[in-house]
C-alpha atoms as a PDB file:
ATOM      1  CA  MET A   1      95.571 202.133  82.838  1.00  0.00           C
ATOM      2  CA  SER A   2      97.202 200.398  79.912  1.00  0.00           C
ATOM      3  CA  HIS A   3      98.322 201.601  76.720  1.00  0.00           C
ATOM      4  CA  TYR A   4      95.815 199.472  74.927  1.00  0.00           C
ATOM      5  CA  ALA A   5      92.856 201.358  76.315  1.00  0.00           C
ATOM      6  CA  SER A   6      92.546 203.572  73.101  1.00  0.00           C
ATOM      7  CA  ARG A   7      91.710 200.768  71.172  1.00  0.00           C
ATOM      8  CA  ASP A   8      87.993 200.388  70.103  1.00  0.00           C
ATOM      9  CA  TYR A   9      87.643 196.628  70.350  1.00  0.00           C
ATOM     10  CA  PRO A  10      83.972 196.657  69.170  1.00  0.00           C
ATOM     11  CA  LYS A  11      84.649 198.647  66.290  1.00  0.00           C
ATOM     12  CA  LEU A  12      87.657 196.486  65.454  1.00  0.00           C
ATOM     13  CA  ALA A  13      85.243 193.336  65.844  1.00  0.00           C
ATOM     14  CA  LYS A  14      82.543 194.774  63.692  1.00  0.00           C
ATOM     15  CA  SER A  15      85.069 196.076  60.790  1.00  0.00           C
ATOM     16  CA  GLY A  16      86.658 192.681  60.840  1.00  0.00           C
ATOM     17  CA  PHE A  17      83.398 190.792  60.526  1.00  0.00           C
ATOM     18  CA  PHE A  18      82.273 192.868  57.733  1.00  0.00           C
ATOM     19  CA  LEU A  19      85.571 192.775  55.991  1.00  0.00           C
ATOM     20  CA  GLY A  20      85.099 189.008  56.046  1.00  0.00           C
ATOM     21  CA  VAL A  21      81.731 189.204  54.756  1.00  0.00           C
ATOM     22  CA  ALA A  22      82.759 191.350  52.104  1.00  0.00           C
ATOM     23  CA  LEU A  23      85.661 188.975  50.578  1.00  0.00           C
ATOM     24  CA  PHE A  24      83.181 186.071  50.935  1.00  0.00           C
ATOM     25  CA  ALA A  25      80.771 187.867  48.822  1.00  0.00           C
ATOM     26  CA  ILE A  26      83.108 189.157  46.457  1.00  0.00           C
ATOM     27  CA  GLY A  27      84.693 185.938  45.966  1.00  0.00           C
ATOM     28  CA  GLY A  28      81.357 183.998  45.481  1.00  0.00           C
ATOM     29  CA  LEU A  29      79.744 186.322  43.140  1.00  0.00           C
ATOM     30  CA  GLY A  30      83.102 186.724  41.165  1.00  0.00           C
ATOM     31  CA  GLU A  31      83.411 183.075  40.748  1.00  0.00           C
ATOM     32  CA  ILE A  32      79.647 182.909  39.798  1.00  0.00           C
ATOM     33  CA  ALA A  33      79.394 185.842  37.350  1.00  0.00           C
ATOM     34  CA  GLY A  34      82.929 185.115  35.743  1.00  0.00           C
ATOM     35  CA  SER A  35      81.649 181.575  34.831  1.00  0.00           C
ATOM     36  CA  ALA A  36      78.231 182.539  33.670  1.00  0.00           C
ATOM     37  CA  ALA A  37      79.826 185.506  31.661  1.00  0.00           C
ATOM     38  CA  LEU A  38      82.948 184.092  30.124  1.00  0.00           C
ATOM     39  CA  GLY A  39      81.687 180.179  30.220  1.00  0.00           C
ATOM     40  CA  GLY A  40      84.843 179.498  32.374  1.00  0.00           C
ATOM     41  CA  LEU A  41      87.795 181.055  34.367  1.00  0.00           C
ATOM     42  CA  PRO A  42      91.278 180.515  34.238  1.00  0.00           C
ATOM     43  CA  GLY A  43      92.803 178.264  37.009  1.00  0.00           C
ATOM     44  CA  TRP A  44      94.418 181.159  38.809  1.00  0.00           C
ATOM     45  CA  GLU A  45      91.192 183.290  38.814  1.00  0.00           C
ATOM     46  CA  GLN A  46      89.625 180.246  40.168  1.00  0.00           C
ATOM     47  CA  THR A  47      92.109 179.821  42.896  1.00  0.00           C
ATOM     48  CA  LEU A  48      91.852 183.729  44.005  1.00  0.00           C
ATOM     49  CA  LEU A  49      88.176 183.730  44.303  1.00  0.00           C
ATOM     50  CA  PHE A  50      88.264 180.645  46.029  1.00  0.00           C
ATOM     51  CA  ASP A  51      90.777 181.751  48.418  1.00  0.00           C
ATOM     52  CA  MET A  52      88.970 184.998  49.249  1.00  0.00           C
ATOM     53  CA  GLU A  53      86.049 182.978  50.038  1.00  0.00           C
ATOM     54  CA  VAL A  54      87.946 180.995  52.587  1.00  0.00           C
ATOM     55  CA  LEU A  55      89.675 184.103  53.910  1.00  0.00           C
ATOM     56  CA  GLY A  56      86.334 185.891  54.370  1.00  0.00           C
ATOM     57  CA  ILE A  57      84.746 182.761  56.142  1.00  0.00           C
ATOM     58  CA  ALA A  58      87.898 182.602  58.556  1.00  0.00           C
ATOM     59  CA  LEU A  59      88.217 186.398  59.168  1.00  0.00           C
ATOM     60  CA  GLY A  60      84.376 186.504  59.686  1.00  0.00           C
ATOM     61  CA  LEU A  61      84.610 184.059  62.198  1.00  0.00           C
ATOM     62  CA  PHE A  62      87.577 184.782  64.172  1.00  0.00           C
ATOM     63  CA  SER A  63      87.771 188.565  64.018  1.00  0.00           C
ATOM     64  CA  PRO A  64      84.707 188.998  66.610  1.00  0.00           C
ATOM     65  CA  PHE A  65      86.050 186.173  68.701  1.00  0.00           C
ATOM     66  CA  LEU A  66      89.268 187.834  68.749  1.00  0.00           C
ATOM     67  CA  PHE A  67      88.484 191.498  69.151  1.00  0.00           C
ATOM     68  CA  GLY A  68      85.294 190.929  70.984  1.00  0.00           C
ATOM     69  CA  ILE A  69      86.212 188.182  73.817  1.00  0.00           C
ATOM     70  CA  VAL A  70      90.216 187.528  73.600  1.00  0.00           C
ATOM     71  CA  ALA A  71      91.688 191.049  73.423  1.00  0.00           C
ATOM     72  CA  PRO A  72      89.566 192.672  76.182  1.00  0.00           C
ATOM     73  CA  LEU A  73      90.264 189.805  78.563  1.00  0.00           C
ATOM     74  CA  VAL A  74      94.134 189.855  77.836  1.00  0.00           C
ATOM     75  CA  GLU A  75      94.361 193.686  78.435  1.00  0.00           C
END
């Protein structure tokens, strides 16, 4: 029995995926709503929201792969 046996990999995979979806949704909706309400966003806000979208996609794709496939096999 290894010391990693107490980790709940399915829960970590689901949590990471849903965190990625939330980041993507907040970034996308924030960019759309901010542009519609204010007529345009400053450059730093556009960059922040775009980075949230990209990070959300990456986290949503890699979290299930890492915690659902790689981590249980490495253990």
